[in-house]
Each structure stands twice: as C-alpha cells, then as structure tokens.
C-alpha cells in the first residue's frame, strides 16, 4: 500500500528517498566504535559494501533475469587489484604515484582512486570473458556454469603463487589517501585503519553513484531490453533485441560493482587472502537480492544491509540476549545457514516478490489476483 502511494505521489516519493539519504548520512553517529553491541561501526561499513555488491548482482539477476552463482569472481578480481597495486607484493619494483606509502617501501603503490578505476575495468573485462561463452546457455545450465567459474577462479588464484602468493595472502594494503579533499574540515590526508566513519562515507559515495547508474540504465533503452529478456527471451529476440550483446552488458555493468566493492574491501581488512573468496559469498549476495526484491534498486540495498547485519552482528547479538534469559548456553552463530534457510522458505511462501517488490512484479501480481477473482466469479455464476 505504501509503495502504491509513493508511485502515485511524486513529491512524497522524493521525500521518502530524501529521508532514506538522511538516515544513511547520519548512521555512523548511531553506531558504536566497539566491535560488540547491536550496531558496531565496522558492521555499518560492511553493510554498505555488501549493498554495493547486491546492486551489482541485481542488474544481472533482477534486471536481465540471468541466474549468476559466480559473482564471487568479480569480488576476487577487485580485491586482488588493490593487492597488486597498493602493496609491496612486486618488491622488485619501486613505483609510487599519489599514494600514502613511504617512498622507501618497494612495490607498486598507486592512488586508491586510480586503483578503484582499474579494479572496475578489470572486473568488467572478467565479466565479458566469463559471460561470452556462458550466456548462450539458459536457466539451470547458466547457473551451473557460473557456479563452475566461481569455484574454478579461486582455485586458479590459489595455485598461481607467483601472482597471488597463494594461501599466504598479500598485505598490508596501503591506506586510502584523500588527496585534495583534505582541505575539507574533518577530512585527513590519509584515512587511518581505524577510521571507519570516513571509510563508510567513501563507500556510501560509490553506492549512491551506482544507484544513480542503475536507475538510469533501468529506465533507458538498455534497461528495457534487459527486462524484455527477463520476461521472454524468445519474444525479445523476435522484437530485435540482440541477446548476447545485451546480456554481456548486464554482466559487464554488474561486474563493475563487484570489482569496486572488492577493491574497497581489501583496504578495510588490510590484506587479501584467497581463502576469503568462497562460494557462500555468491549465495549470500543472491539471497540479499531475492530478500530485498529482484529488480528493485532499493530492495537490493535493503536486502544487502539486512543480511550483512544479521550475518556479522545480529545473530551474535540476539544469541547473547537469548542466553542472558535462558538457562542453556546456545551459540546461535552455529545455526547461521539454518536461519538463512528458514527465512528464504518463509519469504518464498508468503512474499516471493521480496520485501520491496519491483514495480513490474507488483503489476503482475495485481493482474494475477484480478484473473483469479474473475475466474472465481465466473465459476460461481
């Protein structure tokens, strides 16, 4: 009902978006610097990072209707881009460009903002390379092949020790440099490893930028082509939509968000290890898109935030509260995937379109209800 009201009332819709933006801006002031509690600042930063991942996968799954189970590959490429160009991994070199590392430290050290661009480009190229041979498949076959790529690439990086340092990992990753923005009051020239507030605002800018890109693409010609493929691929091809080219665009654009998020994630944790890139990551991001509402930009953000908070903080916090009133000491964290499964089953039973359904999903649901009522009326008469 609220969604229908927002669709009809444009000023109210902009007011709602403005309120959401204000909450996002002042969220760090509500968070705690401690690692425990209901809302640690570190978790807030991770929520924003995973929201960016969900926005990227939403383009592939929500807009184009392509089931991708290998999104971890783009996360991997982005993280290793930071590791390669913001650390002493290439110790035989001594290249520094607008970085925050000392000049005597060997390796390749580039500006964080330049590395972010490189990470997005490399991830997009990886998306095109992965998508070119796989996007000719459909449905379950596409899911299986993308799953295969998501499993193969971490193993490849694990064994290419010359380029990835294997299971030893690469680190430490350089800190983020703010460059000329340090003239702004409260902004330091170098973002310290413990300054999660500034890191939150940096990733918030990337999220806002990708929200803008997603909405513009969704409402444009390319977005309409994606939706046409999602609804009926055969009909879309008969209407002149170039299937492979359009699908590759969705993979490439979605991969950019994965690469940028991965590069930023490396600066948060300070190191990159191949063991962090598990198949479960792709499932968690897919669950976030489904939970929030496939095809809805704000739904993807909500899903990413809720699942990340629940995964990193919420379940532990709820477990501590439960144990404080229960005679038995139960570690709810051990039942994490059981809770995920129960939530997904309940969502599929009672709200399959997600928490914030896409406009087209709601329209289809209304039509289905109208047809059911007409069928019931017809049979009664």
Protein backbone atom coordinates (compact mmCIF):
# COMPACT_ATOMS: atom_id res chain seq x y z
CA UNK A 1 0.00 0.00 0.00
CA UNK A 2 2.82 2.41 0.89
CA UNK A 3 4.58 1.55 -2.35
CA UNK A 4 1.48 2.29 -4.42
CA UNK A 5 1.11 5.65 -2.64
CA UNK A 6 4.74 6.52 -3.36
CA UNK A 7 4.27 5.60 -7.04
CA UNK A 8 1.28 7.93 -7.40
CA UNK A 9 2.69 10.83 -5.39
CA UNK A 10 5.98 12.05 -6.85
CA UNK A 11 6.80 14.63 -4.11
CA UNK A 12 6.15 12.00 -1.45
CA UNK A 13 8.45 9.60 -3.27
CA UNK A 14 11.28 12.15 -3.36
CA UNK A 15 10.65 12.94 0.30
CA UNK A 16 10.94 9.26 1.16
CA UNK A 17 14.22 8.99 -0.78
CA UNK A 18 15.49 12.14 0.98
CA UNK A 19 14.64 10.62 4.36
CA UNK A 20 16.50 7.44 3.45
CA UNK A 21 19.51 9.53 2.39
CA UNK A 22 19.48 11.41 5.72
CA UNK A 23 19.39 8.13 7.65
CA UNK A 24 22.33 6.86 5.60
CA UNK A 25 24.31 10.06 6.23
CA UNK A 26 23.80 10.08 10.00
CA UNK A 27 24.02 6.31 10.51
CA UNK A 28 27.66 6.42 11.77
CA UNK A 29 26.59 8.69 14.63
CA UNK A 30 24.17 5.97 15.77
CA UNK A 31 26.78 3.22 15.56
CA UNK A 32 29.27 2.18 18.22
CA UNK A 33 33.06 2.20 17.93
CA UNK A 34 33.14 -1.11 19.83
CA UNK A 35 33.04 -4.40 17.98
CA UNK A 36 30.15 -5.72 20.06
CA UNK A 37 26.66 -4.34 20.53
CA UNK A 38 23.74 -4.11 18.18
CA UNK A 39 25.35 -1.78 15.61
CA UNK A 40 29.17 -1.65 15.51
CA UNK A 41 30.65 0.88 13.12
CA UNK A 42 32.68 -1.81 11.36
CA UNK A 43 29.46 -3.68 10.56
CA UNK A 44 27.90 -0.49 9.19
CA UNK A 45 30.79 -0.19 6.70
CA UNK A 46 30.41 -3.84 5.70
CA UNK A 47 26.66 -3.32 5.21
CA UNK A 48 27.41 -0.55 2.71
CA UNK A 49 29.98 -2.74 0.90
CA UNK A 50 27.56 -5.65 0.60
CA UNK A 51 24.80 -3.28 -0.52
CA UNK A 52 27.10 -2.30 -3.40
CA UNK A 53 27.62 -5.99 -4.24
CA UNK A 54 23.84 -6.53 -4.17
CA UNK A 55 23.31 -3.57 -6.51
CA UNK A 56 25.71 -5.12 -9.00
CA UNK A 57 24.14 -8.58 -8.87
CA UNK A 58 20.68 -7.02 -9.08
CA UNK A 59 21.49 -5.85 -12.60
CA UNK A 60 22.38 -9.38 -13.67
CA UNK A 61 19.66 -11.29 -11.80
CA UNK A 62 16.98 -8.67 -11.20
CA UNK A 63 17.07 -6.68 -14.44
CA UNK A 64 18.25 -9.24 -17.01
CA UNK A 65 16.94 -12.37 -15.25
CA UNK A 66 20.28 -14.25 -15.53
CA UNK A 67 20.93 -16.56 -12.59
CA UNK A 68 24.58 -15.94 -11.67
CA UNK A 69 26.14 -18.14 -8.97
CA UNK A 70 29.70 -16.99 -9.60
CA UNK A 71 29.61 -13.35 -8.51
CA UNK A 72 32.50 -14.04 -6.15
CA UNK A 73 34.80 -13.93 -9.20
CA UNK A 74 34.33 -10.15 -9.57
CA UNK A 75 34.87 -9.68 -5.84
CA UNK A 76 38.12 -11.62 -6.24
CA UNK A 77 39.41 -9.55 -9.17
CA UNK A 78 38.66 -6.29 -7.38
CA UNK A 79 40.37 -7.33 -4.16
CA UNK A 80 43.49 -8.60 -5.90
CA UNK A 81 43.69 -5.40 -7.93
CA UNK A 82 44.14 -3.49 -4.67
CA UNK A 83 46.64 -6.09 -3.50
CA UNK A 84 48.71 -5.80 -6.68
CA UNK A 85 48.75 -2.01 -6.97
CA UNK A 86 48.64 -0.92 -3.31
CA UNK A 87 51.20 -3.13 -1.56
CA UNK A 88 54.81 -4.30 -1.64
CA UNK A 89 53.94 -7.53 -3.47
CA UNK A 90 56.03 -6.58 -6.53
CA UNK A 91 59.04 -5.96 -4.29
CA UNK A 92 61.42 -5.77 -7.25
CA UNK A 93 59.67 -2.57 -8.37
CA UNK A 94 59.55 0.81 -6.69
CA UNK A 95 56.67 2.71 -8.26
CA UNK A 96 54.77 5.37 -6.32
CA UNK A 97 52.00 7.57 -7.70
CA UNK A 98 49.87 9.77 -5.41
CA UNK A 99 49.93 7.00 -2.80
CA UNK A 100 50.10 7.02 1.00
CA UNK A 101 53.07 4.64 1.40
CA UNK A 102 56.58 5.83 2.21
CA UNK A 103 58.88 6.18 -0.79
CA UNK A 104 61.42 3.71 0.58
CA UNK A 105 58.83 0.89 0.63
CA UNK A 106 59.25 -1.24 -2.54
CA UNK A 107 56.39 -2.42 -4.68
CA UNK A 108 53.71 -0.80 -6.81
CA UNK A 109 51.82 1.85 -4.85
CA UNK A 110 49.16 3.78 -6.75
CA UNK A 111 46.47 6.15 -5.59
CA UNK A 112 43.38 4.42 -4.18
CA UNK A 113 41.13 6.36 -6.56
CA UNK A 114 43.12 5.20 -9.58
CA UNK A 115 43.10 1.60 -8.31
CA UNK A 116 39.31 1.73 -7.94
CA UNK A 117 39.01 2.60 -11.63
CA UNK A 118 41.43 -0.18 -12.59
CA UNK A 119 39.50 -2.66 -10.44
CA UNK A 120 36.21 -1.74 -12.09
CA UNK A 121 37.70 -2.08 -15.57
CA UNK A 122 39.38 -5.43 -14.82
CA UNK A 123 36.20 -6.80 -13.25
CA UNK A 124 34.17 -5.66 -16.27
CA UNK A 125 36.62 -7.36 -18.63
CA UNK A 126 36.42 -10.51 -16.50
CA UNK A 127 32.64 -10.33 -16.75
CA UNK A 128 32.83 -10.14 -20.53
CA UNK A 129 35.31 -13.04 -20.72
CA UNK A 130 33.22 -15.20 -18.39
CA UNK A 131 29.94 -14.20 -19.99
CA UNK A 132 30.91 -14.67 -23.64
CA UNK A 133 30.98 -18.49 -23.56
CA UNK A 134 28.32 -18.95 -20.86
CA UNK A 135 25.50 -16.59 -21.75
CA UNK A 136 24.45 -18.75 -24.68
CA UNK A 137 23.04 -21.10 -22.04
CA UNK A 138 19.78 -20.61 -20.18
CA UNK A 139 18.21 -21.23 -16.82
CA UNK A 140 19.75 -24.03 -14.75
CA UNK A 141 22.58 -24.61 -17.24
CA UNK A 142 23.68 -20.99 -16.94
CA UNK A 143 23.58 -21.23 -13.15
CA UNK A 144 25.72 -24.37 -13.18
CA UNK A 145 28.35 -22.88 -15.50
CA UNK A 146 28.62 -19.65 -13.49
CA UNK A 147 28.88 -21.77 -10.35
CA UNK A 148 31.76 -23.59 -12.03
CA UNK A 149 33.56 -20.33 -12.79
CA UNK A 150 33.02 -19.19 -9.22
CA UNK A 151 34.66 -22.39 -7.96
CA UNK A 152 37.45 -22.55 -10.54
CA UNK A 153 38.83 -19.00 -10.28
CA UNK A 154 39.66 -19.10 -6.52
CA UNK A 155 41.48 -22.39 -7.10
CA UNK A 156 43.38 -20.87 -10.01
CA UNK A 157 44.43 -17.93 -7.85
CA UNK A 158 45.33 -20.32 -5.04
CA UNK A 159 47.80 -22.15 -7.28
CA UNK A 160 49.24 -19.10 -9.08
CA UNK A 161 51.53 -18.30 -6.15
CA UNK A 162 53.80 -16.22 -8.35
CA UNK A 163 50.98 -13.70 -8.88
CA UNK A 164 48.81 -14.19 -5.79
CA UNK A 165 51.15 -15.50 -3.07
CA UNK A 166 48.80 -18.47 -2.71
CA UNK A 167 47.30 -19.09 0.71
CA UNK A 168 49.85 -16.76 2.35
CA UNK A 169 47.96 -13.77 1.05
CA UNK A 170 49.10 -10.27 0.10
CA UNK A 171 49.40 -7.44 2.54
CA UNK A 172 49.43 -4.99 4.05
CA UNK A 173 47.33 -2.96 1.60
CA UNK A 174 48.02 0.79 1.58
CA UNK A 175 45.69 3.17 3.32
CA UNK A 176 43.27 5.39 1.42
CA UNK A 177 44.60 8.83 0.53
CA UNK A 178 42.09 11.69 0.27
CA UNK A 179 44.30 13.93 -1.88
CA UNK A 180 43.00 17.47 -2.29
CA UNK A 181 39.90 16.64 -0.21
CA UNK A 182 41.97 17.06 2.94
CA UNK A 183 41.14 20.80 2.78
CA UNK A 184 37.61 19.89 3.92
CA UNK A 185 37.27 20.22 7.71
CA UNK A 186 37.37 16.83 9.42
CA UNK A 187 38.96 15.06 6.44
CA UNK A 188 42.50 13.76 6.96
CA UNK A 189 45.00 13.38 4.17
CA UNK A 190 45.28 9.66 4.95
CA UNK A 191 42.40 7.53 6.23
CA UNK A 192 43.69 5.52 9.18
CA UNK A 193 42.89 1.84 9.52
CA UNK A 194 40.56 2.56 12.45
CA UNK A 195 38.72 5.48 10.85
CA UNK A 196 35.63 3.52 9.80
CA UNK A 197 33.47 6.65 9.69
CA UNK A 198 35.43 8.09 6.76
CA UNK A 199 35.52 4.67 5.08
CA UNK A 200 31.74 4.49 5.41
CA UNK A 201 31.26 7.82 3.66
CA UNK A 202 33.63 6.80 0.88
CA UNK A 203 31.76 3.57 0.13
CA UNK A 204 28.47 5.47 0.52
CA UNK A 205 29.53 7.70 -2.40
CA UNK A 206 30.13 4.61 -4.55
CA UNK A 207 26.73 3.18 -3.54
CA UNK A 208 24.98 6.45 -4.40
CA UNK A 209 26.78 6.58 -7.75
CA UNK A 210 25.75 3.02 -8.58
CA UNK A 211 22.15 3.68 -7.50
CA UNK A 212 22.08 6.56 -9.99
CA UNK A 213 23.61 4.41 -12.75
CA UNK A 214 21.22 1.53 -12.03
CA UNK A 215 18.10 3.67 -12.14
CA UNK A 216 19.18 5.45 -15.32
CA UNK A 217 20.01 2.18 -17.05
CA UNK A 218 16.78 0.56 -15.85
CA UNK A 219 14.66 3.37 -17.29
CA UNK A 220 16.64 3.63 -20.51
CA UNK A 221 16.70 1.59 -23.68
CA UNK A 222 19.22 -0.90 -22.35
CA UNK A 223 17.19 -1.46 -19.20
CA UNK A 224 14.03 -2.11 -21.19
CA UNK A 225 15.95 -4.64 -23.27
CA UNK A 226 17.08 -6.38 -20.07
CA UNK A 227 13.52 -6.53 -18.79
CA UNK A 228 12.33 -7.90 -22.13
CA UNK A 229 14.91 -10.69 -21.96
CA UNK A 230 13.93 -11.44 -18.38
CA UNK A 231 10.25 -11.77 -19.24
CA UNK A 232 10.54 -13.69 -22.51
CA UNK A 233 13.86 -14.21 -24.26
CA UNK A 234 12.31 -15.55 -27.46
CA UNK A 235 9.90 -12.64 -27.78
CA UNK A 236 12.72 -10.19 -27.10
CA UNK A 237 14.86 -11.70 -29.87
CA UNK A 238 11.94 -11.58 -32.30
CA UNK A 239 11.48 -7.89 -31.50
CA UNK A 240 15.09 -7.21 -32.50
CA UNK A 241 16.87 -7.24 -29.13
CA UNK A 242 20.47 -8.51 -29.62
CA UNK A 243 20.53 -11.17 -26.92
CA UNK A 244 24.27 -11.78 -26.49
CA UNK A 245 25.23 -8.12 -26.61
CA UNK A 246 22.52 -7.13 -24.16
CA UNK A 247 23.36 -9.94 -21.73
CA UNK A 248 27.06 -9.09 -21.88
CA UNK A 249 26.23 -5.50 -20.98
CA UNK A 250 24.44 -6.70 -17.84
CA UNK A 251 27.40 -8.89 -16.88
CA UNK A 252 29.89 -6.10 -17.51
CA UNK A 253 27.99 -3.41 -15.61
CA UNK A 254 27.20 -5.74 -12.72
CA UNK A 255 30.85 -6.80 -12.54
CA UNK A 256 31.98 -3.18 -12.09
CA UNK A 257 30.19 -3.01 -8.74
CA UNK A 258 31.81 -6.28 -7.69
CA UNK A 259 35.27 -5.04 -8.64
CA UNK A 260 34.88 -1.68 -6.90
CA UNK A 261 33.47 -3.35 -3.78
CA UNK A 262 36.27 -5.90 -3.75
CA UNK A 263 38.98 -3.24 -4.08
CA UNK A 264 37.46 -1.24 -1.25
CA UNK A 265 37.04 -4.34 0.91
CA UNK A 266 40.79 -5.01 0.63
CA UNK A 267 41.52 -1.58 2.13
CA UNK A 268 39.17 -2.34 5.05
CA UNK A 269 40.74 -5.63 6.11
CA UNK A 270 44.24 -4.61 5.03
CA UNK A 271 45.12 -7.92 3.39
CA UNK A 272 43.88 -10.22 0.62
CA UNK A 273 43.77 -13.99 1.00
CA UNK A 274 42.30 -16.43 -1.48
CA UNK A 275 40.52 -18.29 1.35
CA UNK A 276 38.12 -15.35 1.67
CA UNK A 277 36.57 -16.00 -1.74
CA UNK A 278 34.18 -18.84 -1.08
CA UNK A 279 31.08 -19.99 -2.97
CA UNK A 280 28.98 -18.97 0.05
CA UNK A 281 29.66 -15.31 -0.82
CA UNK A 282 27.76 -15.62 -4.10
CA UNK A 283 24.86 -17.31 -2.30
CA UNK A 284 24.70 -14.58 0.35
CA UNK A 285 24.59 -11.80 -2.26
CA UNK A 286 21.96 -13.70 -4.26
CA UNK A 287 19.90 -14.13 -1.08
CA UNK A 288 20.18 -10.39 -0.46
CA UNK A 289 18.78 -9.60 -3.92
CA UNK A 290 15.94 -12.12 -3.53
CA UNK A 291 15.11 -10.98 0.00
CA UNK A 292 15.03 -7.30 -0.91
CA UNK A 293 13.16 -7.75 -4.18
CA UNK A 294 14.64 -8.74 -7.52
CA UNK A 295 14.73 -5.86 -9.96
CA UNK A 296 14.26 -3.18 -7.29
CA UNK A 297 17.28 -0.98 -6.58
CA UNK A 298 16.19 -0.02 -3.07
CA UNK A 299 15.22 -3.60 -2.36
CA UNK A 300 18.73 -4.79 -3.24
CA UNK A 301 20.20 -2.27 -0.81
CA UNK A 302 17.80 -3.29 1.95
CA UNK A 303 18.50 -6.97 1.40
CA UNK A 304 22.26 -6.45 1.44
CA UNK A 305 22.11 -4.40 4.65
CA UNK A 306 19.82 -6.82 6.50
CA UNK A 307 21.72 -9.98 5.60
CA UNK A 308 25.12 -8.41 6.35
CA UNK A 309 23.98 -7.09 9.73
CA UNK A 310 22.39 -10.43 10.58
CA UNK A 311 25.47 -12.36 9.46
CA UNK A 312 28.17 -10.27 11.16
CA UNK A 313 26.42 -8.81 14.21
CA UNK A 314 22.72 -9.54 14.53
CA UNK A 315 22.88 -13.28 15.14
CA UNK A 316 25.63 -12.94 17.74
CA UNK A 317 23.80 -10.10 19.49
CA UNK A 318 20.50 -11.97 19.53
CA UNK A 319 22.31 -15.07 20.81
CA UNK A 320 23.78 -13.11 23.72
CA UNK A 321 20.37 -11.70 24.62
CA UNK A 322 18.80 -15.15 24.40
CA UNK A 323 21.48 -16.74 26.59
CA UNK A 324 21.05 -14.00 29.19
CA UNK A 325 17.45 -15.14 29.83
CA UNK A 326 17.88 -18.84 29.07
CA UNK A 327 19.46 -21.42 31.38
CA UNK A 328 21.16 -23.07 28.40
CA UNK A 329 24.13 -21.55 26.60
CA UNK A 330 23.41 -21.84 22.87
CA UNK A 331 25.70 -20.47 20.16
CA UNK A 332 23.20 -19.26 17.55
CA UNK A 333 26.09 -18.46 15.19
CA UNK A 334 26.46 -22.20 14.57
CA UNK A 335 22.95 -22.24 13.10
CA UNK A 336 23.52 -19.33 10.71
CA UNK A 337 22.66 -21.18 7.49
CA UNK A 338 19.67 -22.83 9.17
CA UNK A 339 18.26 -19.36 9.87
CA UNK A 340 19.00 -18.31 6.29
CA UNK A 341 17.13 -21.36 5.02
CA UNK A 342 14.10 -20.73 7.22
CA UNK A 343 13.93 -17.07 6.18
CA UNK A 344 14.14 -17.94 2.48
CA UNK A 345 11.44 -20.62 2.80
CA UNK A 346 9.13 -18.19 4.59
CA UNK A 347 9.83 -15.49 2.00
CA UNK A 348 9.05 -17.82 -0.88
CA UNK A 349 5.81 -18.91 0.80
CA UNK A 350 4.43 -15.57 1.95
CA UNK A 351 6.26 -12.85 -0.05
CA UNK A 352 8.03 -14.32 -3.06
CA UNK A 353 8.40 -10.91 -4.71
CA UNK A 354 10.66 -9.68 -1.86
CA UNK A 355 10.42 -7.01 0.83
CA UNK A 356 10.31 -4.18 -1.71
CA UNK A 357 8.93 -5.66 -4.94
CA UNK A 358 9.81 -4.20 -8.30
CA UNK A 359 7.03 -2.24 -9.98
CA UNK A 360 6.55 -4.84 -12.69
CA UNK A 361 6.34 -7.66 -10.15
CA UNK A 362 3.58 -5.84 -8.30
CA UNK A 363 1.70 -5.20 -11.53
CA UNK A 364 1.91 -8.87 -12.48
CA UNK A 365 0.65 -9.84 -9.03
CA UNK A 366 -2.31 -7.47 -9.36
CA UNK A 367 -3.19 -8.93 -12.75
CA UNK A 368 -2.97 -12.47 -11.36
CA UNK A 369 -5.28 -11.56 -8.50
CA UNK A 370 -7.73 -9.91 -10.89
CA UNK A 371 -7.75 -13.00 -13.12
CA UNK A 372 -8.27 -15.25 -10.10
CA UNK A 373 -11.21 -13.16 -8.92
CA UNK A 374 -12.72 -13.18 -12.39
CA UNK A 375 -12.30 -16.95 -12.57
CA UNK A 376 -13.92 -17.38 -9.17
CA UNK A 377 -16.79 -15.08 -10.10
CA UNK A 378 -17.30 -16.85 -13.41
CA UNK A 379 -17.39 -20.29 -11.84
CA UNK A 380 -19.83 -19.11 -9.16
CA UNK A 381 -22.23 -17.59 -11.68
